[in-house]
């Protein structure tokens, strides 16, 4: 595959130019105010809407934040019809490159999963997380724009493998039996790159006989983000994890980036003509 060009955003850290789709754009946050806007959006979605439990500091700040924000890049979806300032931020995705996690001493996913097999993977790695969009922007077009941004980032940094924790809403595995069983039966990662839920947090994903499943119906019930990973040839790890704070059942996802970069390359070729 031919090599794509590298990009920079103005005077900001190396990255890629804003990618546009009508009034919407996707780019990296470049200021503290933009990061604050992403954290504010995360609070509104995760806590105010989805029922995560806020500690006093989080409640007071009305921001979702943790120590990993400082070492991450933050992908933003912006709606230019809302203005050109922080009020335009309507979607976000947190990206943590391998070198930043190694300097910091750990990945976020390690609080839930043994990612030893991923650490031993020879290529460059990227951890994905904290993805959300404002309610009015939960469309296929916005999700595709986010994936375009991730693909450009993957190209720019030469990423070979992406991974992270994805969430299914709710903390009752029995209510998610079909979705979890489907993922375990049809999309389990190869052993060489398979994360496993930590022993004290491990929840069995195969909760029913896979032969009793309607795979198409189970796939349709999965969150759009998880379906996006699967469309790119993604896998899941062994075991789910209950995250009581965020009111979710988490799964580990792993995506080798060949398909991501190939799709972006085809798109870039069309736009370059």
C-alpha atoms as a PDB file:
ATOM      1  CA  UNK A   1       0.000   0.000   0.000  1.00  0.00           C
ATOM      2  CA  UNK A   2       1.436   3.447  -0.883  1.00  0.00           C
ATOM      3  CA  UNK A   3       2.483   5.629   2.023  1.00  0.00           C
ATOM      4  CA  UNK A   4       0.117   8.433   2.990  1.00  0.00           C
ATOM      5  CA  UNK A   5       1.381  11.932   3.716  1.00  0.00           C
ATOM      6  CA  UNK A   6       1.896  13.145   7.277  1.00  0.00           C
ATOM      7  CA  UNK A   7      -0.119  16.118   8.495  1.00  0.00           C
ATOM      8  CA  UNK A   8       0.135  18.958  10.965  1.00  0.00           C
ATOM      9  CA  UNK A   9      -2.568  21.178  12.444  1.00  0.00           C
ATOM     10  CA  UNK A  10      -1.412  24.772  12.173  1.00  0.00           C
ATOM     11  CA  UNK A  11       0.915  25.531  15.066  1.00  0.00           C
ATOM     12  CA  UNK A  12      -0.461  22.689  17.202  1.00  0.00           C
ATOM     13  CA  UNK A  13       1.141  19.366  17.975  1.00  0.00           C
ATOM     14  CA  UNK A  14       1.577  17.060  14.960  1.00  0.00           C
ATOM     15  CA  UNK A  15      -1.730  15.663  13.858  1.00  0.00           C
ATOM     16  CA  UNK A  16      -4.041  15.981  10.869  1.00  0.00           C
ATOM     17  CA  UNK A  17      -6.219  18.764   9.511  1.00  0.00           C
ATOM     18  CA  UNK A  18      -9.871  18.930  10.397  1.00  0.00           C
ATOM     19  CA  UNK A  19     -11.876  16.488   8.319  1.00  0.00           C
ATOM     20  CA  UNK A  20     -15.228  17.919   7.249  1.00  0.00           C
ATOM     21  CA  UNK A  21     -18.633  16.468   6.416  1.00  0.00           C
ATOM     22  CA  UNK A  22     -20.996  19.393   5.819  1.00  0.00           C
ATOM     23  CA  UNK A  23     -21.343  21.422   9.008  1.00  0.00           C
ATOM     24  CA  UNK A  24     -19.512  18.763  11.046  1.00  0.00           C
ATOM     25  CA  UNK A  25     -15.791  18.342  11.490  1.00  0.00           C
ATOM     26  CA  UNK A  26     -13.448  16.032  13.378  1.00  0.00           C
ATOM     27  CA  UNK A  27     -10.052  17.071  14.710  1.00  0.00           C
ATOM     28  CA  UNK A  28      -7.835  16.882  17.771  1.00  0.00           C
ATOM     29  CA  UNK A  29      -8.310  19.187  20.753  1.00  0.00           C
ATOM     30  CA  UNK A  30      -5.474  21.706  20.872  1.00  0.00           C
ATOM     31  CA  UNK A  31      -6.330  23.871  23.891  1.00  0.00           C
ATOM     32  CA  UNK A  32      -7.188  23.414  27.566  1.00  0.00           C
ATOM     33  CA  UNK A  33     -10.606  24.941  26.860  1.00  0.00           C
ATOM     34  CA  UNK A  34     -11.339  22.287  24.241  1.00  0.00           C
ATOM     35  CA  UNK A  35     -10.324  19.516  26.635  1.00  0.00           C
ATOM     36  CA  UNK A  36     -12.617  21.068  29.245  1.00  0.00           C
ATOM     37  CA  UNK A  37     -15.457  21.048  26.701  1.00  0.00           C
ATOM     38  CA  UNK A  38     -14.839  17.331  26.044  1.00  0.00           C
ATOM     39  CA  UNK A  39     -14.865  16.590  29.779  1.00  0.00           C
ATOM     40  CA  UNK A  40     -18.085  18.585  30.179  1.00  0.00           C
ATOM     41  CA  UNK A  41     -19.720  16.591  27.373  1.00  0.00           C
ATOM     42  CA  UNK A  42     -18.539  13.338  28.953  1.00  0.00           C
ATOM     43  CA  UNK A  43     -20.101  14.372  32.273  1.00  0.00           C
ATOM     44  CA  UNK A  44     -23.438  15.205  30.651  1.00  0.00           C
ATOM     45  CA  UNK A  45     -23.561  11.867  28.817  1.00  0.00           C
ATOM     46  CA  UNK A  46     -22.034   9.466  31.358  1.00  0.00           C
ATOM     47  CA  UNK A  47     -23.385  10.977  34.585  1.00  0.00           C
ATOM     48  CA  UNK A  48     -26.425  13.134  33.848  1.00  0.00           C
ATOM     49  CA  UNK A  49     -27.836  10.878  31.129  1.00  0.00           C
ATOM     50  CA  UNK A  50     -26.496   7.344  31.633  1.00  0.00           C
ATOM     51  CA  UNK A  51     -26.556   7.199  35.422  1.00  0.00           C
ATOM     52  CA  UNK A  52     -22.870   7.017  36.381  1.00  0.00           C
ATOM     53  CA  UNK A  53     -22.237   7.711  40.070  1.00  0.00           C
ATOM     54  CA  UNK A  54     -20.349  10.958  40.675  1.00  0.00           C
ATOM     55  CA  UNK A  55     -18.032  11.475  43.630  1.00  0.00           C
ATOM     56  CA  UNK A  56     -18.211  14.912  45.323  1.00  0.00           C
ATOM     57  CA  UNK A  57     -15.369  16.385  43.224  1.00  0.00           C
ATOM     58  CA  UNK A  58     -16.925  15.199  39.963  1.00  0.00           C
ATOM     59  CA  UNK A  59     -20.342  16.465  41.038  1.00  0.00           C
ATOM     60  CA  UNK A  60     -18.925  19.865  41.928  1.00  0.00           C
ATOM     61  CA  UNK A  61     -16.947  20.269  38.705  1.00  0.00           C
ATOM     62  CA  UNK A  62     -19.625  18.802  36.398  1.00  0.00           C
ATOM     63  CA  UNK A  63     -16.712  17.277  34.491  1.00  0.00           C
ATOM     64  CA  UNK A  64     -15.720  13.669  33.804  1.00  0.00           C
ATOM     65  CA  UNK A  65     -11.954  13.599  34.215  1.00  0.00           C
ATOM     66  CA  UNK A  66      -9.184  11.347  35.441  1.00  0.00           C
ATOM     67  CA  UNK A  67      -5.405  11.174  35.458  1.00  0.00           C
ATOM     68  CA  UNK A  68      -5.262   9.662  31.953  1.00  0.00           C
ATOM     69  CA  UNK A  69      -6.682  12.800  30.321  1.00  0.00           C
ATOM     70  CA  UNK A  70      -3.334  14.553  30.714  1.00  0.00           C
ATOM     71  CA  UNK A  71      -1.444  11.945  28.661  1.00  0.00           C
ATOM     72  CA  UNK A  72      -4.085  11.456  25.961  1.00  0.00           C
ATOM     73  CA  UNK A  73      -5.011  13.085  22.700  1.00  0.00           C
ATOM     74  CA  UNK A  74      -8.690  13.989  22.523  1.00  0.00           C
ATOM     75  CA  UNK A  75     -10.551  13.630  19.253  1.00  0.00           C
ATOM     76  CA  UNK A  76     -13.421  16.090  18.875  1.00  0.00           C
ATOM     77  CA  UNK A  77     -16.486  16.212  16.665  1.00  0.00           C
ATOM     78  CA  UNK A  78     -17.516  19.845  16.195  1.00  0.00           C
ATOM     79  CA  UNK A  79     -20.675  21.326  14.714  1.00  0.00           C
ATOM     80  CA  UNK A  80     -19.810  24.619  13.027  1.00  0.00           C
ATOM     81  CA  UNK A  81     -23.468  25.607  12.987  1.00  0.00           C
ATOM     82  CA  UNK A  82     -23.165  26.008  16.784  1.00  0.00           C
ATOM     83  CA  UNK A  83     -20.244  28.421  16.517  1.00  0.00           C
ATOM     84  CA  UNK A  84     -16.481  28.250  16.328  1.00  0.00           C
ATOM     85  CA  UNK A  85     -15.709  28.011  20.056  1.00  0.00           C
ATOM     86  CA  UNK A  86     -15.979  25.266  22.639  1.00  0.00           C
ATOM     87  CA  UNK A  87     -19.783  25.342  22.352  1.00  0.00           C
ATOM     88  CA  UNK A  88     -19.361  23.487  19.048  1.00  0.00           C
ATOM     89  CA  UNK A  89     -17.982  20.268  20.658  1.00  0.00           C
ATOM     90  CA  UNK A  90     -20.609  17.528  20.236  1.00  0.00           C
ATOM     91  CA  UNK A  91     -18.516  14.359  20.318  1.00  0.00           C
ATOM     92  CA  UNK A  92     -15.228  13.099  21.724  1.00  0.00           C
ATOM     93  CA  UNK A  93     -12.953  10.055  21.850  1.00  0.00           C
ATOM     94  CA  UNK A  94      -9.863   9.620  24.041  1.00  0.00           C
ATOM     95  CA  UNK A  95      -6.700   8.263  22.389  1.00  0.00           C
ATOM     96  CA  UNK A  96      -3.676   7.095  24.411  1.00  0.00           C
ATOM     97  CA  UNK A  97      -0.570   6.148  22.458  1.00  0.00           C
ATOM     98  CA  UNK A  98       1.724   3.379  23.654  1.00  0.00           C
ATOM     99  CA  UNK A  99       4.653   5.668  24.391  1.00  0.00           C
ATOM    100  CA  UNK A 100       2.513   7.912  26.598  1.00  0.00           C
ATOM    101  CA  UNK A 101       1.068   4.980  28.553  1.00  0.00           C
ATOM    102  CA  UNK A 102       4.530   3.512  29.047  1.00  0.00           C
ATOM    103  CA  UNK A 103       5.853   6.820  30.412  1.00  0.00           C
ATOM    104  CA  UNK A 104       2.829   7.065  32.690  1.00  0.00           C
ATOM    105  CA  UNK A 105       3.287   3.485  33.855  1.00  0.00           C
ATOM    106  CA  UNK A 106       0.013   1.848  32.781  1.00  0.00           C
ATOM    107  CA  UNK A 107      -2.998   1.855  30.486  1.00  0.00           C
ATOM    108  CA  UNK A 108      -6.535   2.620  31.646  1.00  0.00           C
ATOM    109  CA  UNK A 109      -7.663  -0.875  30.589  1.00  0.00           C
ATOM    110  CA  UNK A 110      -5.348  -2.476  33.123  1.00  0.00           C
ATOM    111  CA  UNK A 111      -7.805  -1.628  35.906  1.00  0.00           C
ATOM    112  CA  UNK A 112     -10.158  -4.207  34.355  1.00  0.00           C
ATOM    113  CA  UNK A 113      -8.098  -6.546  32.154  1.00  0.00           C
ATOM    114  CA  UNK A 114      -4.843  -8.430  31.985  1.00  0.00           C
ATOM    115  CA  UNK A 115      -3.478  -6.995  28.733  1.00  0.00           C
ATOM    116  CA  UNK A 116      -0.165  -8.849  28.849  1.00  0.00           C
ATOM    117  CA  UNK A 117      -0.718 -10.412  25.394  1.00  0.00           C
ATOM    118  CA  UNK A 118      -1.295  -6.948  23.917  1.00  0.00           C
ATOM    119  CA  UNK A 119       1.820  -5.549  25.564  1.00  0.00           C
ATOM    120  CA  UNK A 120       3.834  -8.362  23.990  1.00  0.00           C
ATOM    121  CA  UNK A 121       2.448  -7.564  20.536  1.00  0.00           C
ATOM    122  CA  UNK A 122       5.338  -6.249  18.455  1.00  0.00           C
ATOM    123  CA  UNK A 123       3.571  -3.368  16.689  1.00  0.00           C
ATOM    124  CA  UNK A 124       2.663   0.122  17.901  1.00  0.00           C
ATOM    125  CA  UNK A 125      -0.444   0.277  20.064  1.00  0.00           C
ATOM    126  CA  UNK A 126      -3.231   2.776  20.763  1.00  0.00           C
ATOM    127  CA  UNK A 127      -5.762   2.623  23.585  1.00  0.00           C
ATOM    128  CA  UNK A 128      -9.243   3.980  22.818  1.00  0.00           C
ATOM    129  CA  UNK A 129     -11.801   5.072  25.382  1.00  0.00           C
ATOM    130  CA  UNK A 130     -14.247   7.629  26.808  1.00  0.00           C
ATOM    131  CA  UNK A 131     -16.220   7.867  23.589  1.00  0.00           C
ATOM    132  CA  UNK A 132     -19.495   9.769  23.582  1.00  0.00           C
ATOM    133  CA  UNK A 133     -21.654  12.097  21.514  1.00  0.00           C
ATOM    134  CA  UNK A 134     -24.415  14.502  22.421  1.00  0.00           C
ATOM    135  CA  UNK A 135     -27.911  12.945  22.013  1.00  0.00           C
ATOM    136  CA  UNK A 136     -28.780  14.845  18.828  1.00  0.00           C
ATOM    137  CA  UNK A 137     -25.619  13.598  17.126  1.00  0.00           C
ATOM    138  CA  UNK A 138     -25.975   9.816  17.568  1.00  0.00           C
ATOM    139  CA  UNK A 139     -26.158   9.040  13.903  1.00  0.00           C
ATOM    140  CA  UNK A 140     -24.307   6.837  11.470  1.00  0.00           C
ATOM    141  CA  UNK A 141     -22.813   9.940   9.835  1.00  0.00           C
ATOM    142  CA  UNK A 142     -21.263  11.174  13.095  1.00  0.00           C
ATOM    143  CA  UNK A 143     -19.920   7.715  13.957  1.00  0.00           C
ATOM    144  CA  UNK A 144     -18.370   7.446  10.503  1.00  0.00           C
ATOM    145  CA  UNK A 145     -16.770  10.857  10.987  1.00  0.00           C
ATOM    146  CA  UNK A 146     -15.265   9.727  14.289  1.00  0.00           C
ATOM    147  CA  UNK A 147     -13.856   6.642  12.577  1.00  0.00           C
ATOM    148  CA  UNK A 148     -12.373   8.821   9.840  1.00  0.00           C
ATOM    149  CA  UNK A 149     -10.619  10.818  12.534  1.00  0.00           C
ATOM    150  CA  UNK A 150      -9.314   7.673  14.223  1.00  0.00           C
ATOM    151  CA  UNK A 151      -8.120   6.305  10.875  1.00  0.00           C
ATOM    152  CA  UNK A 152      -6.223   9.519  10.129  1.00  0.00           C
ATOM    153  CA  UNK A 153      -4.658   9.380  13.604  1.00  0.00           C
ATOM    154  CA  UNK A 154      -3.700   5.728  13.093  1.00  0.00           C
ATOM    155  CA  UNK A 155      -2.038   6.626   9.794  1.00  0.00           C
ATOM    156  CA  UNK A 156      -0.197   9.557  11.250  1.00  0.00           C
ATOM    157  CA  UNK A 157       1.262   7.655  14.197  1.00  0.00           C
ATOM    158  CA  UNK A 158       1.830   4.324  12.472  1.00  0.00           C
ATOM    159  CA  UNK A 159      -0.470   2.376  14.807  1.00  0.00           C
ATOM    160  CA  UNK A 160      -0.685  -1.387  14.268  1.00  0.00           C
ATOM    161  CA  UNK A 161      -3.179  -2.390  16.957  1.00  0.00           C
ATOM    162  CA  UNK A 162      -5.971  -0.580  18.810  1.00  0.00           C
ATOM    163  CA  UNK A 163      -7.660  -1.752  21.980  1.00  0.00           C
ATOM    164  CA  UNK A 164      -9.757  -0.513  24.865  1.00  0.00           C
ATOM    165  CA  UNK A 165     -12.828  -1.085  26.997  1.00  0.00           C
ATOM    166  CA  UNK A 166     -16.235  -0.709  25.331  1.00  0.00           C
ATOM    167  CA  UNK A 167     -19.451  -0.549  27.313  1.00  0.00           C
ATOM    168  CA  UNK A 168     -22.906  -2.104  27.220  1.00  0.00           C
ATOM    169  CA  UNK A 169     -25.415  -0.122  29.262  1.00  0.00           C
ATOM    170  CA  UNK A 170     -26.459  -1.671  32.573  1.00  0.00           C
ATOM    171  CA  UNK A 171     -24.835  -3.877  35.192  1.00  0.00           C
ATOM    172  CA  UNK A 172     -26.964  -7.035  34.991  1.00  0.00           C
ATOM    173  CA  UNK A 173     -25.173  -9.629  32.813  1.00  0.00           C
ATOM    174  CA  UNK A 174     -28.342 -11.736  32.663  1.00  0.00           C
ATOM    175  CA  UNK A 175     -30.119  -8.905  30.859  1.00  0.00           C
ATOM    176  CA  UNK A 176     -27.258  -8.836  28.345  1.00  0.00           C
ATOM    177  CA  UNK A 177     -26.988 -12.618  27.983  1.00  0.00           C
ATOM    178  CA  UNK A 178     -27.615 -12.752  24.235  1.00  0.00           C
ATOM    179  CA  UNK A 179     -25.247  -9.893  23.386  1.00  0.00           C
ATOM    180  CA  UNK A 180     -22.422 -11.214  25.588  1.00  0.00           C
ATOM    181  CA  UNK A 181     -22.839 -14.804  24.406  1.00  0.00           C
ATOM    182  CA  UNK A 182     -22.863 -13.678  20.772  1.00  0.00           C
ATOM    183  CA  UNK A 183     -19.620 -11.731  21.223  1.00  0.00           C
ATOM    184  CA  UNK A 184     -17.876 -14.622  22.986  1.00  0.00           C
ATOM    185  CA  UNK A 185     -19.067 -17.211  20.472  1.00  0.00           C
ATOM    186  CA  UNK A 186     -18.412 -15.272  17.266  1.00  0.00           C
ATOM    187  CA  UNK A 187     -15.754 -12.632  17.925  1.00  0.00           C
ATOM    188  CA  UNK A 188     -13.293 -13.957  20.528  1.00  0.00           C
ATOM    189  CA  UNK A 189      -9.760 -12.637  19.968  1.00  0.00           C
ATOM    190  CA  UNK A 190      -6.981 -15.035  18.987  1.00  0.00           C
ATOM    191  CA  UNK A 191      -5.087 -16.167  22.064  1.00  0.00           C
ATOM    192  CA  UNK A 192      -1.963 -14.219  21.063  1.00  0.00           C
ATOM    193  CA  UNK A 193      -3.831 -10.897  21.396  1.00  0.00           C
ATOM    194  CA  UNK A 194      -6.581 -11.842  23.851  1.00  0.00           C
ATOM    195  CA  UNK A 195      -7.038  -9.703  26.990  1.00  0.00           C
ATOM    196  CA  UNK A 196      -8.635 -11.466  29.954  1.00  0.00           C
ATOM    197  CA  UNK A 197     -10.717  -9.863  32.685  1.00  0.00           C
ATOM    198  CA  UNK A 198      -8.852  -9.673  35.977  1.00  0.00           C
ATOM    199  CA  UNK A 199      -9.634 -12.623  38.295  1.00  0.00           C
ATOM    200  CA  UNK A 200     -11.474 -10.528  40.861  1.00  0.00           C
ATOM    201  CA  UNK A 201     -13.640  -8.873  38.200  1.00  0.00           C
ATOM    202  CA  UNK A 202     -14.183 -11.668  35.672  1.00  0.00           C
ATOM    203  CA  UNK A 203     -17.788 -12.165  34.477  1.00  0.00           C
ATOM    204  CA  UNK A 204     -18.475 -15.123  32.169  1.00  0.00           C
ATOM    205  CA  UNK A 205     -19.705 -13.934  28.766  1.00  0.00           C
ATOM    206  CA  UNK A 206     -21.117 -17.266  27.546  1.00  0.00           C
ATOM    207  CA  UNK A 207     -24.383 -17.058  29.449  1.00  0.00           C
ATOM    208  CA  UNK A 208     -26.508 -19.298  27.239  1.00  0.00           C
ATOM    209  CA  UNK A 209     -26.155 -21.987  24.604  1.00  0.00           C
ATOM    210  CA  UNK A 210     -24.784 -20.229  21.483  1.00  0.00           C
ATOM    211  CA  UNK A 211     -26.914 -22.574  19.338  1.00  0.00           C
ATOM    212  CA  UNK A 212     -30.022 -20.951  20.830  1.00  0.00           C
ATOM    213  CA  UNK A 213     -28.954 -17.495  19.679  1.00  0.00           C
ATOM    214  CA  UNK A 214     -30.362 -15.439  16.856  1.00  0.00           C
ATOM    215  CA  UNK A 215     -26.974 -13.949  15.856  1.00  0.00           C
ATOM    216  CA  UNK A 216     -28.477 -11.225  13.681  1.00  0.00           C
ATOM    217  CA  UNK A 217     -30.806 -10.035  16.457  1.00  0.00           C
ATOM    218  CA  UNK A 218     -28.016 -10.137  19.048  1.00  0.00           C
ATOM    219  CA  UNK A 219     -25.749  -8.104  16.760  1.00  0.00           C
ATOM    220  CA  UNK A 220     -28.475  -5.512  16.207  1.00  0.00           C
ATOM    221  CA  UNK A 221     -28.817  -4.964  19.974  1.00  0.00           C
ATOM    222  CA  UNK A 222     -25.143  -4.102  20.416  1.00  0.00           C
ATOM    223  CA  UNK A 223     -24.184  -0.437  20.838  1.00  0.00           C
ATOM    224  CA  UNK A 224     -23.226   1.270  17.546  1.00  0.00           C
ATOM    225  CA  UNK A 225     -19.629   1.721  18.700  1.00  0.00           C
ATOM    226  CA  UNK A 226     -19.202  -2.007  19.363  1.00  0.00           C
ATOM    227  CA  UNK A 227     -20.752  -2.827  15.987  1.00  0.00           C
ATOM    228  CA  UNK A 228     -18.256  -0.406  14.437  1.00  0.00           C
ATOM    229  CA  UNK A 229     -15.348  -2.323  15.963  1.00  0.00           C
ATOM    230  CA  UNK A 230     -16.761  -5.596  14.651  1.00  0.00           C
ATOM    231  CA  UNK A 231     -17.214  -4.200  11.130  1.00  0.00           C
ATOM    232  CA  UNK A 232     -13.485  -3.446  11.145  1.00  0.00           C
ATOM    233  CA  UNK A 233     -12.680  -7.050  12.008  1.00  0.00           C
ATOM    234  CA  UNK A 234     -12.379  -6.391  15.724  1.00  0.00           C
ATOM    235  CA  UNK A 235     -12.327  -9.000  18.460  1.00  0.00           C
ATOM    236  CA  UNK A 236     -13.351  -9.149  22.112  1.00  0.00           C
ATOM    237  CA  UNK A 237     -11.397 -10.336  25.124  1.00  0.00           C
ATOM    238  CA  UNK A 238     -12.214 -13.132  27.527  1.00  0.00           C
ATOM    239  CA  UNK A 239     -14.681 -12.084  30.194  1.00  0.00           C
ATOM    240  CA  UNK A 240     -16.801  -9.014  30.866  1.00  0.00           C
ATOM    241  CA  UNK A 241     -16.355  -6.593  33.776  1.00  0.00           C
ATOM    242  CA  UNK A 242     -19.065  -4.806  35.756  1.00  0.00           C
ATOM    243  CA  UNK A 243     -18.324  -1.101  36.182  1.00  0.00           C
ATOM    244  CA  UNK A 244     -20.744  -0.051  38.913  1.00  0.00           C
ATOM    245  CA  UNK A 245     -19.546   3.562  38.881  1.00  0.00           C
ATOM    246  CA  UNK A 246     -20.437   4.036  35.209  1.00  0.00           C
ATOM    247  CA  UNK A 247     -23.502   1.752  35.259  1.00  0.00           C
ATOM    248  CA  UNK A 248     -22.036  -0.414  32.482  1.00  0.00           C
ATOM    249  CA  UNK A 249     -20.907  -3.921  31.616  1.00  0.00           C
ATOM    250  CA  UNK A 250     -17.531  -3.587  29.922  1.00  0.00           C
ATOM    251  CA  UNK A 251     -15.891  -5.745  27.301  1.00  0.00           C
ATOM    252  CA  UNK A 252     -12.331  -5.569  25.966  1.00  0.00           C
ATOM    253  CA  UNK A 253     -12.052  -4.865  22.234  1.00  0.00           C
ATOM    254  CA  UNK A 254      -9.011  -5.391  20.006  1.00  0.00           C
ATOM    255  CA  UNK A 255      -8.640  -4.181  16.408  1.00  0.00           C
ATOM    256  CA  UNK A 256      -5.644  -4.706  14.158  1.00  0.00           C
ATOM    257  CA  UNK A 257      -5.532  -1.602  12.018  1.00  0.00           C
ATOM    258  CA  UNK A 258      -5.143  -3.053   8.511  1.00  0.00           C
ATOM    259  CA  UNK A 259      -8.815  -2.595   7.633  1.00  0.00           C
ATOM    260  CA  UNK A 260      -9.023   0.820   9.286  1.00  0.00           C
ATOM    261  CA  UNK A 261      -6.108   2.175   7.279  1.00  0.00           C
ATOM    262  CA  UNK A 262      -7.227   0.496   4.053  1.00  0.00           C
ATOM    263  CA  UNK A 263     -10.672   2.109   4.260  1.00  0.00           C
ATOM    264  CA  UNK A 264      -9.175   5.498   5.061  1.00  0.00           C
ATOM    265  CA  UNK A 265      -6.674   5.149   2.223  1.00  0.00           C
ATOM    266  CA  UNK A 266      -9.468   4.502  -0.279  1.00  0.00           C
ATOM    267  CA  UNK A 267     -11.341   7.541   1.040  1.00  0.00           C
ATOM    268  CA  UNK A 268      -8.199   9.723   0.861  1.00  0.00           C
ATOM    269  CA  UNK A 269      -7.573   8.604  -2.719  1.00  0.00           C
ATOM    270  CA  UNK A 270     -11.114   9.643  -3.724  1.00  0.00           C
ATOM    271  CA  UNK A 271     -10.762  13.076  -2.104  1.00  0.00           C
ATOM    272  CA  UNK A 272      -7.311  13.646  -3.597  1.00  0.00           C
ATOM    273  CA  UNK A 273      -8.541  13.167  -7.179  1.00  0.00           C
END
